[in-house]
N, C-alpha and C. Protein backbone atom coordinates (compact mmCIF):
# COMPACT_ATOMS: atom_id res chain seq x y z
N UNK A 1 -14.79 11.24 8.12
CA UNK A 1 -15.61 11.41 6.91
C UNK A 1 -17.08 11.26 7.29
N UNK A 2 -17.90 12.13 6.74
CA UNK A 2 -19.31 12.06 7.06
C UNK A 2 -19.96 10.87 6.38
N UNK A 3 -21.01 10.40 6.98
CA UNK A 3 -21.70 9.25 6.41
C UNK A 3 -22.49 9.67 5.18
N UNK A 4 -22.66 8.78 4.23
CA UNK A 4 -23.46 9.12 3.06
C UNK A 4 -24.90 9.35 3.46
N UNK A 5 -25.52 10.28 2.79
CA UNK A 5 -26.92 10.57 3.09
C UNK A 5 -27.78 9.41 2.60
N UNK A 6 -28.59 8.82 3.50
CA UNK A 6 -29.42 7.69 3.08
C UNK A 6 -30.36 8.08 1.95
N UNK A 7 -30.51 7.18 1.01
CA UNK A 7 -31.42 7.42 -0.11
C UNK A 7 -32.70 6.63 0.09
N UNK A 8 -33.71 7.03 -0.60
CA UNK A 8 -34.96 6.29 -0.52
C UNK A 8 -34.80 4.93 -1.18
N UNK A 9 -35.11 3.84 -0.48
CA UNK A 9 -34.96 2.51 -1.06
C UNK A 9 -35.79 2.34 -2.32
N UNK A 10 -35.31 1.51 -3.19
CA UNK A 10 -36.04 1.23 -4.43
C UNK A 10 -35.11 0.65 -5.45
N UNK A 11 -35.64 -0.01 -6.45
CA UNK A 11 -34.82 -0.63 -7.48
C UNK A 11 -34.61 0.32 -8.63
N UNK A 12 -33.36 0.78 -8.84
CA UNK A 12 -33.10 1.64 -10.00
C UNK A 12 -33.24 0.85 -11.29
N UNK A 13 -33.57 1.56 -12.39
CA UNK A 13 -33.74 0.87 -13.66
C UNK A 13 -32.41 0.27 -14.12
N UNK A 14 -31.30 0.98 -13.84
CA UNK A 14 -29.98 0.47 -14.17
C UNK A 14 -29.11 0.63 -12.93
N UNK A 15 -28.50 -0.45 -12.46
CA UNK A 15 -27.67 -0.39 -11.28
C UNK A 15 -26.30 0.15 -11.65
N UNK A 16 -25.90 1.25 -11.05
CA UNK A 16 -24.59 1.85 -11.29
C UNK A 16 -23.59 1.26 -10.31
N UNK A 17 -22.71 0.40 -10.83
CA UNK A 17 -21.74 -0.22 -9.94
C UNK A 17 -20.77 0.82 -9.37
N UNK A 18 -20.49 1.88 -10.14
CA UNK A 18 -19.61 2.93 -9.64
C UNK A 18 -20.22 3.63 -8.44
N UNK A 19 -21.52 3.93 -8.54
CA UNK A 19 -22.20 4.60 -7.43
C UNK A 19 -22.28 3.68 -6.21
N UNK A 20 -22.56 2.41 -6.44
CA UNK A 20 -22.63 1.45 -5.34
C UNK A 20 -21.29 1.37 -4.63
N UNK A 21 -20.22 1.24 -5.40
CA UNK A 21 -18.88 1.14 -4.82
C UNK A 21 -18.52 2.40 -4.04
N UNK A 22 -18.87 3.57 -4.59
CA UNK A 22 -18.55 4.83 -3.92
C UNK A 22 -19.29 4.96 -2.60
N UNK A 23 -20.59 4.67 -2.61
CA UNK A 23 -21.40 4.76 -1.39
C UNK A 23 -20.94 3.75 -0.35
N UNK A 24 -20.62 2.54 -0.82
CA UNK A 24 -20.16 1.50 0.11
C UNK A 24 -18.83 1.90 0.74
N UNK A 25 -17.92 2.44 -0.05
CA UNK A 25 -16.61 2.83 0.48
C UNK A 25 -16.76 3.91 1.55
N UNK A 26 -17.61 4.87 1.30
CA UNK A 26 -17.82 5.92 2.30
C UNK A 26 -18.37 5.34 3.60
N UNK A 27 -19.28 4.40 3.46
CA UNK A 27 -19.86 3.77 4.64
C UNK A 27 -18.82 2.94 5.38
N UNK A 28 -18.02 2.17 4.66
CA UNK A 28 -16.98 1.35 5.29
C UNK A 28 -15.93 2.21 5.96
N UNK A 29 -15.60 3.33 5.36
CA UNK A 29 -14.62 4.24 5.96
C UNK A 29 -15.13 4.79 7.28
N UNK A 30 -16.43 5.04 7.33
CA UNK A 30 -17.04 5.61 8.53
C UNK A 30 -17.26 4.57 9.62
N UNK A 31 -17.76 3.40 9.24
CA UNK A 31 -18.18 2.41 10.23
C UNK A 31 -17.24 1.21 10.35
N UNK A 32 -16.46 0.97 9.32
CA UNK A 32 -15.64 -0.23 9.29
C UNK A 32 -16.29 -1.29 8.43
N UNK A 33 -15.47 -2.07 7.75
CA UNK A 33 -15.97 -3.07 6.81
C UNK A 33 -16.75 -4.17 7.53
N UNK A 34 -16.15 -4.73 8.58
CA UNK A 34 -16.77 -5.87 9.26
C UNK A 34 -18.07 -5.48 9.96
N UNK A 35 -18.18 -4.23 10.38
CA UNK A 35 -19.35 -3.80 11.14
C UNK A 35 -20.51 -3.36 10.26
N UNK A 36 -20.31 -3.37 8.96
CA UNK A 36 -21.35 -2.90 8.03
C UNK A 36 -22.12 -4.07 7.44
N UNK A 37 -23.42 -4.06 7.60
CA UNK A 37 -24.26 -5.16 7.12
C UNK A 37 -24.79 -4.84 5.73
N UNK A 38 -25.42 -5.86 5.13
CA UNK A 38 -26.07 -5.65 3.83
C UNK A 38 -27.20 -4.63 3.96
N UNK A 39 -27.90 -4.65 5.07
CA UNK A 39 -28.97 -3.68 5.28
C UNK A 39 -28.40 -2.26 5.35
N UNK A 40 -27.24 -2.11 5.97
CA UNK A 40 -26.58 -0.80 6.01
C UNK A 40 -26.25 -0.34 4.60
N UNK A 41 -25.71 -1.26 3.79
CA UNK A 41 -25.37 -0.92 2.41
C UNK A 41 -26.61 -0.55 1.61
N UNK A 42 -27.69 -1.25 1.85
CA UNK A 42 -28.94 -0.95 1.14
C UNK A 42 -29.41 0.46 1.47
N UNK A 43 -29.34 0.82 2.74
CA UNK A 43 -29.77 2.15 3.15
C UNK A 43 -28.88 3.23 2.55
N UNK A 44 -27.58 2.97 2.52
CA UNK A 44 -26.64 3.97 2.00
C UNK A 44 -26.74 4.15 0.49
N UNK A 45 -27.01 3.06 -0.22
CA UNK A 45 -27.04 3.12 -1.69
C UNK A 45 -28.42 3.39 -2.26
N UNK A 46 -29.46 3.19 -1.44
CA UNK A 46 -30.82 3.34 -1.95
C UNK A 46 -31.25 2.17 -2.80
N UNK A 47 -30.52 1.05 -2.70
CA UNK A 47 -30.84 -0.16 -3.46
C UNK A 47 -31.21 -1.24 -2.46
N UNK A 48 -32.25 -1.96 -2.71
CA UNK A 48 -32.71 -2.95 -1.74
C UNK A 48 -31.66 -4.03 -1.51
N UNK A 49 -31.70 -4.60 -0.30
CA UNK A 49 -30.78 -5.68 0.03
C UNK A 49 -30.93 -6.83 -0.96
N UNK A 50 -32.15 -7.12 -1.33
CA UNK A 50 -32.40 -8.21 -2.27
C UNK A 50 -31.72 -7.97 -3.61
N UNK A 51 -31.81 -6.73 -4.10
CA UNK A 51 -31.18 -6.40 -5.37
C UNK A 51 -29.66 -6.45 -5.27
N UNK A 52 -29.12 -5.94 -4.17
CA UNK A 52 -27.67 -5.99 -3.98
C UNK A 52 -27.17 -7.43 -3.99
N UNK A 53 -27.89 -8.30 -3.29
CA UNK A 53 -27.48 -9.71 -3.22
C UNK A 53 -27.63 -10.42 -4.55
N UNK A 54 -28.53 -9.91 -5.38
CA UNK A 54 -28.68 -10.51 -6.71
C UNK A 54 -27.50 -10.13 -7.62
N UNK A 55 -26.92 -8.96 -7.39
CA UNK A 55 -25.82 -8.50 -8.23
C UNK A 55 -24.44 -8.85 -7.68
N UNK A 56 -24.34 -8.98 -6.35
CA UNK A 56 -23.03 -9.18 -5.74
C UNK A 56 -23.07 -10.37 -4.80
N UNK A 57 -22.09 -11.26 -4.93
CA UNK A 57 -22.06 -12.46 -4.11
C UNK A 57 -21.51 -12.20 -2.71
N UNK A 58 -20.79 -11.08 -2.56
CA UNK A 58 -20.20 -10.74 -1.27
C UNK A 58 -19.93 -9.25 -1.21
N UNK A 59 -19.71 -8.75 -0.02
CA UNK A 59 -19.33 -7.34 0.13
C UNK A 59 -17.95 -7.10 -0.48
N UNK A 60 -17.10 -8.11 -0.39
CA UNK A 60 -15.76 -7.98 -0.97
C UNK A 60 -15.84 -7.74 -2.48
N UNK A 61 -16.81 -8.34 -3.14
CA UNK A 61 -16.96 -8.14 -4.58
C UNK A 61 -17.21 -6.67 -4.90
N UNK A 62 -17.96 -5.99 -4.04
CA UNK A 62 -18.20 -4.56 -4.23
C UNK A 62 -16.90 -3.79 -4.05
N UNK A 63 -16.13 -4.17 -3.04
CA UNK A 63 -14.88 -3.46 -2.77
C UNK A 63 -13.89 -3.55 -3.92
N UNK A 64 -13.95 -4.64 -4.67
CA UNK A 64 -12.98 -4.86 -5.75
C UNK A 64 -13.53 -4.46 -7.13
N UNK A 65 -14.64 -3.76 -7.20
CA UNK A 65 -15.26 -3.45 -8.49
C UNK A 65 -14.35 -2.68 -9.45
N UNK A 66 -13.43 -1.89 -8.92
CA UNK A 66 -12.59 -1.08 -9.79
C UNK A 66 -11.47 -1.82 -10.48
N UNK A 67 -11.22 -3.08 -10.08
CA UNK A 67 -10.08 -3.80 -10.63
C UNK A 67 -10.33 -4.27 -12.07
N UNK A 68 -11.51 -4.78 -12.36
CA UNK A 68 -11.80 -5.28 -13.71
C UNK A 68 -11.63 -4.21 -14.79
N UNK A 69 -12.14 -2.99 -14.60
CA UNK A 69 -11.89 -1.95 -15.61
C UNK A 69 -10.41 -1.63 -15.77
N UNK A 70 -9.66 -1.69 -14.66
CA UNK A 70 -8.22 -1.44 -14.74
C UNK A 70 -7.53 -2.51 -15.58
N UNK A 71 -7.97 -3.76 -15.43
CA UNK A 71 -7.41 -4.85 -16.24
C UNK A 71 -7.73 -4.63 -17.71
N UNK A 72 -8.93 -4.19 -18.01
CA UNK A 72 -9.31 -3.92 -19.40
C UNK A 72 -8.43 -2.84 -20.00
N UNK A 73 -8.16 -1.77 -19.23
CA UNK A 73 -7.30 -0.69 -19.73
C UNK A 73 -5.87 -1.19 -19.94
N UNK A 74 -5.39 -2.03 -19.03
CA UNK A 74 -4.06 -2.61 -19.16
C UNK A 74 -3.96 -3.45 -20.43
N UNK A 75 -4.94 -4.33 -20.63
CA UNK A 75 -4.93 -5.22 -21.79
C UNK A 75 -5.01 -4.44 -23.10
N UNK A 76 -5.79 -3.39 -23.12
CA UNK A 76 -5.96 -2.58 -24.32
C UNK A 76 -4.61 -2.00 -24.79
N UNK A 77 -3.86 -1.45 -23.86
CA UNK A 77 -2.57 -0.86 -24.23
C UNK A 77 -1.59 -1.94 -24.67
N UNK A 78 -1.53 -3.04 -23.96
CA UNK A 78 -0.58 -4.11 -24.30
C UNK A 78 -0.89 -4.70 -25.68
N UNK A 79 -2.17 -4.86 -25.99
CA UNK A 79 -2.54 -5.46 -27.28
C UNK A 79 -2.21 -4.57 -28.46
N UNK A 80 -2.16 -3.26 -28.24
CA UNK A 80 -1.92 -2.33 -29.35
C UNK A 80 -0.52 -1.75 -29.34
N UNK A 81 0.34 -2.28 -28.49
CA UNK A 81 1.72 -1.77 -28.42
C UNK A 81 2.52 -2.22 -29.63
N UNK A 82 3.45 -1.39 -30.06
CA UNK A 82 4.32 -1.73 -31.19
C UNK A 82 5.21 -2.91 -30.82
N UNK A 83 5.43 -3.79 -31.79
CA UNK A 83 6.21 -5.00 -31.55
C UNK A 83 7.67 -4.71 -31.23
N UNK A 84 8.16 -3.56 -31.69
CA UNK A 84 9.58 -3.26 -31.47
C UNK A 84 9.80 -2.32 -30.29
N UNK A 85 8.76 -1.99 -29.55
CA UNK A 85 8.91 -1.11 -28.39
C UNK A 85 9.54 -1.87 -27.23
N UNK A 86 10.41 -1.24 -26.45
CA UNK A 86 11.02 -1.92 -25.30
C UNK A 86 9.94 -2.44 -24.35
N UNK A 87 9.99 -3.70 -23.96
CA UNK A 87 8.95 -4.27 -23.10
C UNK A 87 8.68 -3.48 -21.83
N UNK A 88 9.74 -3.02 -21.15
CA UNK A 88 9.52 -2.30 -19.90
C UNK A 88 8.78 -0.99 -20.13
N UNK A 89 9.07 -0.31 -21.24
CA UNK A 89 8.38 0.95 -21.54
C UNK A 89 6.91 0.68 -21.83
N UNK A 90 6.64 -0.36 -22.60
CA UNK A 90 5.25 -0.73 -22.90
C UNK A 90 4.51 -1.08 -21.61
N UNK A 91 5.14 -1.88 -20.78
CA UNK A 91 4.50 -2.30 -19.53
C UNK A 91 4.21 -1.11 -18.64
N UNK A 92 5.21 -0.24 -18.48
CA UNK A 92 5.01 0.94 -17.63
C UNK A 92 3.88 1.81 -18.18
N UNK A 93 3.88 2.02 -19.47
CA UNK A 93 2.82 2.83 -20.09
C UNK A 93 1.45 2.20 -19.87
N UNK A 94 1.38 0.88 -20.05
CA UNK A 94 0.10 0.18 -19.89
C UNK A 94 -0.41 0.26 -18.45
N UNK A 95 0.50 0.07 -17.50
CA UNK A 95 0.09 0.12 -16.10
C UNK A 95 -0.36 1.52 -15.71
N UNK A 96 0.39 2.52 -16.15
CA UNK A 96 0.01 3.91 -15.83
C UNK A 96 -1.35 4.24 -16.44
N UNK A 97 -1.59 3.78 -17.66
CA UNK A 97 -2.89 4.02 -18.29
C UNK A 97 -4.01 3.26 -17.58
N UNK A 98 -3.67 2.15 -16.96
CA UNK A 98 -4.70 1.37 -16.28
C UNK A 98 -5.15 2.03 -14.99
N UNK A 99 -4.32 2.92 -14.46
CA UNK A 99 -4.68 3.64 -13.23
C UNK A 99 -5.59 4.81 -13.62
N UNK A 100 -6.77 4.84 -13.08
CA UNK A 100 -7.74 5.84 -13.49
C UNK A 100 -7.32 7.25 -13.11
N UNK A 101 -7.51 8.18 -14.04
CA UNK A 101 -7.26 9.60 -13.76
C UNK A 101 -8.59 10.34 -13.50
N UNK A 102 -9.67 9.58 -13.39
CA UNK A 102 -10.96 10.17 -13.10
C UNK A 102 -10.89 10.88 -11.74
N UNK A 103 -11.16 12.19 -11.67
CA UNK A 103 -11.04 12.92 -10.40
C UNK A 103 -11.89 12.32 -9.28
N UNK A 104 -13.07 11.85 -9.62
CA UNK A 104 -13.94 11.28 -8.59
C UNK A 104 -13.33 10.01 -7.99
N UNK A 105 -12.76 9.18 -8.87
CA UNK A 105 -12.15 7.94 -8.40
C UNK A 105 -10.89 8.25 -7.60
N UNK A 106 -10.11 9.22 -8.06
CA UNK A 106 -8.90 9.58 -7.33
C UNK A 106 -9.23 10.13 -5.95
N UNK A 107 -10.36 10.80 -5.83
CA UNK A 107 -10.78 11.31 -4.52
C UNK A 107 -11.06 10.17 -3.55
N UNK A 108 -11.62 9.07 -4.06
CA UNK A 108 -11.96 7.93 -3.22
C UNK A 108 -10.80 6.97 -3.03
N UNK A 109 -9.82 7.03 -3.91
CA UNK A 109 -8.73 6.04 -3.93
C UNK A 109 -7.98 5.91 -2.61
N UNK A 110 -7.63 7.00 -1.91
CA UNK A 110 -6.89 6.82 -0.66
C UNK A 110 -7.64 5.97 0.36
N UNK A 111 -8.93 6.21 0.53
CA UNK A 111 -9.71 5.41 1.47
C UNK A 111 -9.81 3.97 1.00
N UNK A 112 -9.94 3.77 -0.32
CA UNK A 112 -10.02 2.41 -0.85
C UNK A 112 -8.72 1.65 -0.62
N UNK A 113 -7.61 2.31 -0.86
CA UNK A 113 -6.31 1.67 -0.67
C UNK A 113 -6.08 1.30 0.80
N UNK A 114 -6.47 2.21 1.69
CA UNK A 114 -6.32 1.90 3.11
C UNK A 114 -7.23 0.75 3.52
N UNK A 115 -8.41 0.71 2.93
CA UNK A 115 -9.36 -0.36 3.26
C UNK A 115 -8.84 -1.72 2.84
N UNK A 116 -8.43 -1.85 1.58
CA UNK A 116 -8.04 -3.17 1.09
C UNK A 116 -6.70 -3.64 1.65
N UNK A 117 -5.90 -2.69 2.15
CA UNK A 117 -4.61 -3.08 2.72
C UNK A 117 -4.71 -3.42 4.20
N UNK A 118 -5.82 -3.05 4.85
CA UNK A 118 -5.93 -3.26 6.29
C UNK A 118 -7.04 -4.24 6.68
N UNK A 119 -7.99 -4.47 5.80
CA UNK A 119 -9.11 -5.35 6.13
C UNK A 119 -8.75 -6.81 5.81
N UNK A 120 -8.71 -7.68 6.81
CA UNK A 120 -8.27 -9.08 6.58
C UNK A 120 -9.05 -9.81 5.50
N UNK A 121 -10.37 -9.63 5.47
CA UNK A 121 -11.17 -10.35 4.47
C UNK A 121 -10.79 -9.93 3.05
N UNK A 122 -10.52 -8.65 2.86
CA UNK A 122 -10.15 -8.17 1.52
C UNK A 122 -8.71 -8.56 1.19
N UNK A 123 -7.84 -8.50 2.16
CA UNK A 123 -6.45 -8.91 1.93
C UNK A 123 -6.39 -10.38 1.53
N UNK A 124 -7.27 -11.19 2.09
CA UNK A 124 -7.28 -12.62 1.78
C UNK A 124 -7.74 -12.90 0.36
N UNK A 125 -8.60 -12.03 -0.18
CA UNK A 125 -9.11 -12.25 -1.53
C UNK A 125 -8.26 -11.56 -2.60
N UNK A 126 -7.30 -10.73 -2.19
CA UNK A 126 -6.51 -9.97 -3.14
C UNK A 126 -5.79 -10.83 -4.18
N UNK A 127 -5.13 -11.93 -3.79
CA UNK A 127 -4.43 -12.73 -4.81
C UNK A 127 -5.34 -13.21 -5.94
N UNK A 128 -6.55 -13.62 -5.59
CA UNK A 128 -7.49 -14.09 -6.61
C UNK A 128 -7.96 -12.94 -7.49
N UNK A 129 -8.20 -11.79 -6.89
CA UNK A 129 -8.67 -10.63 -7.64
C UNK A 129 -7.61 -10.15 -8.63
N UNK A 130 -6.36 -10.14 -8.19
CA UNK A 130 -5.29 -9.62 -9.02
C UNK A 130 -4.75 -10.64 -10.03
N UNK A 131 -5.19 -11.88 -9.94
CA UNK A 131 -4.66 -12.91 -10.84
C UNK A 131 -4.85 -12.56 -12.31
N UNK A 132 -6.03 -12.10 -12.76
CA UNK A 132 -6.17 -11.76 -14.18
C UNK A 132 -5.24 -10.62 -14.61
N UNK A 133 -4.99 -9.68 -13.71
CA UNK A 133 -4.06 -8.57 -14.00
C UNK A 133 -2.66 -9.14 -14.23
N UNK A 134 -2.23 -10.01 -13.34
CA UNK A 134 -0.91 -10.63 -13.45
C UNK A 134 -0.85 -11.53 -14.68
N UNK A 135 -1.91 -12.29 -14.94
CA UNK A 135 -1.93 -13.17 -16.12
C UNK A 135 -1.79 -12.35 -17.41
N UNK A 136 -2.48 -11.22 -17.47
CA UNK A 136 -2.43 -10.37 -18.66
C UNK A 136 -1.01 -9.89 -18.91
N UNK A 137 -0.35 -9.45 -17.87
CA UNK A 137 1.02 -8.96 -18.00
C UNK A 137 1.99 -10.10 -18.29
N UNK A 138 1.78 -11.23 -17.66
CA UNK A 138 2.64 -12.39 -17.88
C UNK A 138 2.54 -12.88 -19.33
N UNK A 139 1.34 -12.88 -19.88
CA UNK A 139 1.15 -13.30 -21.27
C UNK A 139 1.88 -12.35 -22.23
N UNK A 140 1.83 -11.07 -21.93
CA UNK A 140 2.54 -10.11 -22.78
C UNK A 140 4.05 -10.36 -22.74
N UNK A 141 4.57 -10.57 -21.54
CA UNK A 141 6.00 -10.84 -21.39
C UNK A 141 6.41 -12.11 -22.13
N UNK A 142 5.56 -13.12 -22.07
CA UNK A 142 5.86 -14.37 -22.77
C UNK A 142 5.92 -14.16 -24.28
N UNK A 143 5.07 -13.28 -24.81
CA UNK A 143 5.09 -12.99 -26.24
C UNK A 143 6.34 -12.22 -26.63
N UNK A 144 6.73 -11.26 -25.79
CA UNK A 144 7.87 -10.40 -26.11
C UNK A 144 9.21 -11.04 -25.78
N UNK A 145 9.20 -11.99 -24.84
CA UNK A 145 10.44 -12.65 -24.41
C UNK A 145 10.28 -14.15 -24.58
N UNK A 146 10.23 -14.63 -25.83
CA UNK A 146 9.91 -16.04 -26.09
C UNK A 146 10.87 -17.04 -25.46
N UNK A 147 12.08 -16.61 -25.14
CA UNK A 147 13.02 -17.53 -24.52
C UNK A 147 12.93 -17.59 -23.01
N UNK A 148 12.12 -16.70 -22.43
CA UNK A 148 12.04 -16.63 -20.97
C UNK A 148 11.13 -17.74 -20.44
N UNK A 149 11.53 -18.40 -19.36
CA UNK A 149 10.66 -19.41 -18.75
C UNK A 149 9.34 -18.78 -18.28
N UNK A 150 8.29 -19.56 -18.34
CA UNK A 150 6.98 -19.06 -17.92
C UNK A 150 7.02 -18.55 -16.48
N UNK A 151 7.78 -19.24 -15.64
CA UNK A 151 7.85 -18.83 -14.23
C UNK A 151 8.48 -17.45 -14.09
N UNK A 152 9.45 -17.13 -14.94
CA UNK A 152 10.08 -15.82 -14.90
C UNK A 152 9.09 -14.74 -15.34
N UNK A 153 8.35 -15.01 -16.41
CA UNK A 153 7.35 -14.04 -16.88
C UNK A 153 6.32 -13.75 -15.79
N UNK A 154 5.91 -14.80 -15.11
CA UNK A 154 4.92 -14.61 -14.04
C UNK A 154 5.53 -13.87 -12.85
N UNK A 155 6.79 -14.20 -12.55
CA UNK A 155 7.46 -13.52 -11.44
C UNK A 155 7.61 -12.03 -11.73
N UNK A 156 7.98 -11.71 -12.97
CA UNK A 156 8.09 -10.29 -13.34
C UNK A 156 6.75 -9.58 -13.25
N UNK A 157 5.70 -10.23 -13.75
CA UNK A 157 4.37 -9.64 -13.70
C UNK A 157 3.92 -9.43 -12.26
N UNK A 158 4.22 -10.39 -11.41
CA UNK A 158 3.86 -10.27 -10.00
C UNK A 158 4.62 -9.12 -9.34
N UNK A 159 5.88 -8.98 -9.71
CA UNK A 159 6.69 -7.88 -9.17
C UNK A 159 6.13 -6.52 -9.59
N UNK A 160 5.69 -6.43 -10.84
CA UNK A 160 5.08 -5.19 -11.32
C UNK A 160 3.79 -4.88 -10.55
N UNK A 161 3.00 -5.90 -10.29
CA UNK A 161 1.77 -5.68 -9.54
C UNK A 161 2.08 -5.19 -8.12
N UNK A 162 3.07 -5.80 -7.49
CA UNK A 162 3.45 -5.41 -6.14
C UNK A 162 3.98 -3.98 -6.12
N UNK A 163 4.80 -3.63 -7.11
CA UNK A 163 5.35 -2.28 -7.18
C UNK A 163 4.27 -1.24 -7.42
N UNK A 164 3.31 -1.59 -8.27
CA UNK A 164 2.21 -0.68 -8.55
C UNK A 164 1.39 -0.42 -7.31
N UNK A 165 1.06 -1.48 -6.58
CA UNK A 165 0.28 -1.31 -5.36
C UNK A 165 1.08 -0.52 -4.31
N UNK A 166 2.37 -0.80 -4.21
CA UNK A 166 3.21 -0.06 -3.26
C UNK A 166 3.23 1.43 -3.59
N UNK A 167 3.30 1.75 -4.88
CA UNK A 167 3.31 3.15 -5.29
C UNK A 167 1.99 3.82 -4.95
N UNK A 168 0.90 3.13 -5.18
CA UNK A 168 -0.42 3.69 -4.86
C UNK A 168 -0.60 3.89 -3.36
N UNK A 169 -0.16 2.92 -2.59
CA UNK A 169 -0.30 3.03 -1.14
C UNK A 169 0.58 4.16 -0.60
N UNK A 170 1.79 4.28 -1.13
CA UNK A 170 2.68 5.37 -0.72
C UNK A 170 2.06 6.72 -1.06
N UNK A 171 1.45 6.79 -2.24
CA UNK A 171 0.77 8.02 -2.66
C UNK A 171 -0.35 8.37 -1.69
N UNK A 172 -1.15 7.39 -1.30
CA UNK A 172 -2.26 7.63 -0.39
C UNK A 172 -1.76 8.07 0.98
N UNK A 173 -0.74 7.41 1.48
CA UNK A 173 -0.25 7.68 2.82
C UNK A 173 0.53 9.00 2.91
N UNK A 174 0.99 9.50 1.77
CA UNK A 174 1.74 10.76 1.77
C UNK A 174 0.85 11.97 1.54
N UNK A 175 -0.46 11.77 1.48
CA UNK A 175 -1.38 12.89 1.35
C UNK A 175 -2.15 12.95 0.05
N UNK A 176 -1.83 12.09 -0.91
CA UNK A 176 -2.57 12.00 -2.18
C UNK A 176 -2.73 13.37 -2.84
N UNK A 177 -1.64 14.13 -2.88
CA UNK A 177 -1.74 15.49 -3.39
C UNK A 177 -1.61 15.56 -4.91
N UNK A 178 -0.93 14.62 -5.53
CA UNK A 178 -0.76 14.65 -6.98
C UNK A 178 -1.52 13.49 -7.61
N UNK A 179 -1.45 13.40 -8.92
CA UNK A 179 -2.13 12.33 -9.64
C UNK A 179 -1.48 10.99 -9.28
N UNK A 180 -2.30 10.01 -8.89
CA UNK A 180 -1.75 8.72 -8.47
C UNK A 180 -1.08 7.99 -9.64
N UNK A 181 -1.53 8.23 -10.87
CA UNK A 181 -0.90 7.59 -12.03
C UNK A 181 0.53 8.08 -12.20
N UNK A 182 0.78 9.34 -11.88
CA UNK A 182 2.14 9.87 -11.97
C UNK A 182 3.04 9.22 -10.91
N UNK A 183 2.48 8.96 -9.74
CA UNK A 183 3.25 8.29 -8.69
C UNK A 183 3.63 6.88 -9.12
N UNK A 184 2.69 6.20 -9.79
CA UNK A 184 2.98 4.86 -10.30
C UNK A 184 4.06 4.92 -11.37
N UNK A 185 3.98 5.89 -12.24
CA UNK A 185 4.98 6.03 -13.30
C UNK A 185 6.38 6.21 -12.71
N UNK A 186 6.50 7.06 -11.71
CA UNK A 186 7.82 7.28 -11.08
C UNK A 186 8.35 6.00 -10.45
N UNK A 187 7.49 5.25 -9.79
CA UNK A 187 7.91 4.01 -9.15
C UNK A 187 8.38 3.00 -10.19
N UNK A 188 7.62 2.84 -11.26
CA UNK A 188 7.94 1.81 -12.24
C UNK A 188 9.18 2.13 -13.05
N UNK A 189 9.58 3.38 -13.15
CA UNK A 189 10.81 3.71 -13.85
C UNK A 189 12.02 3.09 -13.17
N UNK A 190 11.92 2.83 -11.88
CA UNK A 190 13.00 2.16 -11.17
C UNK A 190 13.14 0.70 -11.60
N UNK A 191 12.07 0.15 -12.18
CA UNK A 191 12.09 -1.25 -12.59
C UNK A 191 12.51 -1.43 -14.04
N UNK A 192 12.58 -0.36 -14.81
CA UNK A 192 12.87 -0.47 -16.25
C UNK A 192 14.16 -1.24 -16.52
N UNK A 193 15.19 -0.94 -15.76
CA UNK A 193 16.49 -1.56 -16.04
C UNK A 193 16.55 -3.03 -15.64
N UNK A 194 15.54 -3.49 -14.93
CA UNK A 194 15.53 -4.88 -14.47
C UNK A 194 14.67 -5.79 -15.36
N UNK A 195 14.08 -5.22 -16.39
CA UNK A 195 13.25 -6.01 -17.29
C UNK A 195 14.07 -6.42 -18.50
N UNK A 196 14.12 -7.72 -18.84
CA UNK A 196 14.93 -8.20 -19.97
C UNK A 196 14.58 -7.47 -21.27
N UNK A 197 15.60 -7.17 -22.06
CA UNK A 197 15.39 -6.55 -23.34
C UNK A 197 15.24 -5.05 -23.30
N UNK A 198 15.49 -4.46 -22.14
CA UNK A 198 15.32 -3.03 -22.00
C UNK A 198 16.67 -2.34 -21.82
N UNK A 199 16.86 -1.26 -22.55
CA UNK A 199 18.06 -0.46 -22.41
C UNK A 199 17.70 0.78 -21.62
N UNK A 200 18.35 1.04 -20.49
CA UNK A 200 18.00 2.21 -19.68
C UNK A 200 18.25 3.50 -20.42
N UNK A 201 17.44 4.54 -20.10
CA UNK A 201 17.59 5.84 -20.74
C UNK A 201 18.92 6.49 -20.33
């Protein structure tokens, strides 16, 4: 992949986290995460090192920028789901909706998935980053399955997170030819029959 064209340094009036993440990912794909300095990121993004450090506490924070919006999309669907809908169907729908169908993001997703699955620093921070995602799903399960132990709700939520990531990584490694959300949907249908209160189609 070609390196991003350096931009003229300067402080933008509004910092676009999407643009920063995209430029950083391209740079990391080209040079490697560990070998890329804050000065390199500043040159690639056109944002001064000082401004980057004011907005981001670490390079890893930039790498994980896409997770928070995904959690918001997940929570939105779960909060508005019908009370009588099968939990597994609601969960699958919410997770699929949380996966962005934005063409630009899908174009970058394969490199991002390879980065976070292979870079030790990012792999080490993954459990903390994904905790709110798992908590959101666990809370929904606890509401829908009031008799289930909290540990079971969390275990199910963790399993869904693992399955979702596995589906995305498989999609990336197989050529990323179709919509990644569809790949997630196909993977999660295998889990429908294992979720309490769900009757298989």
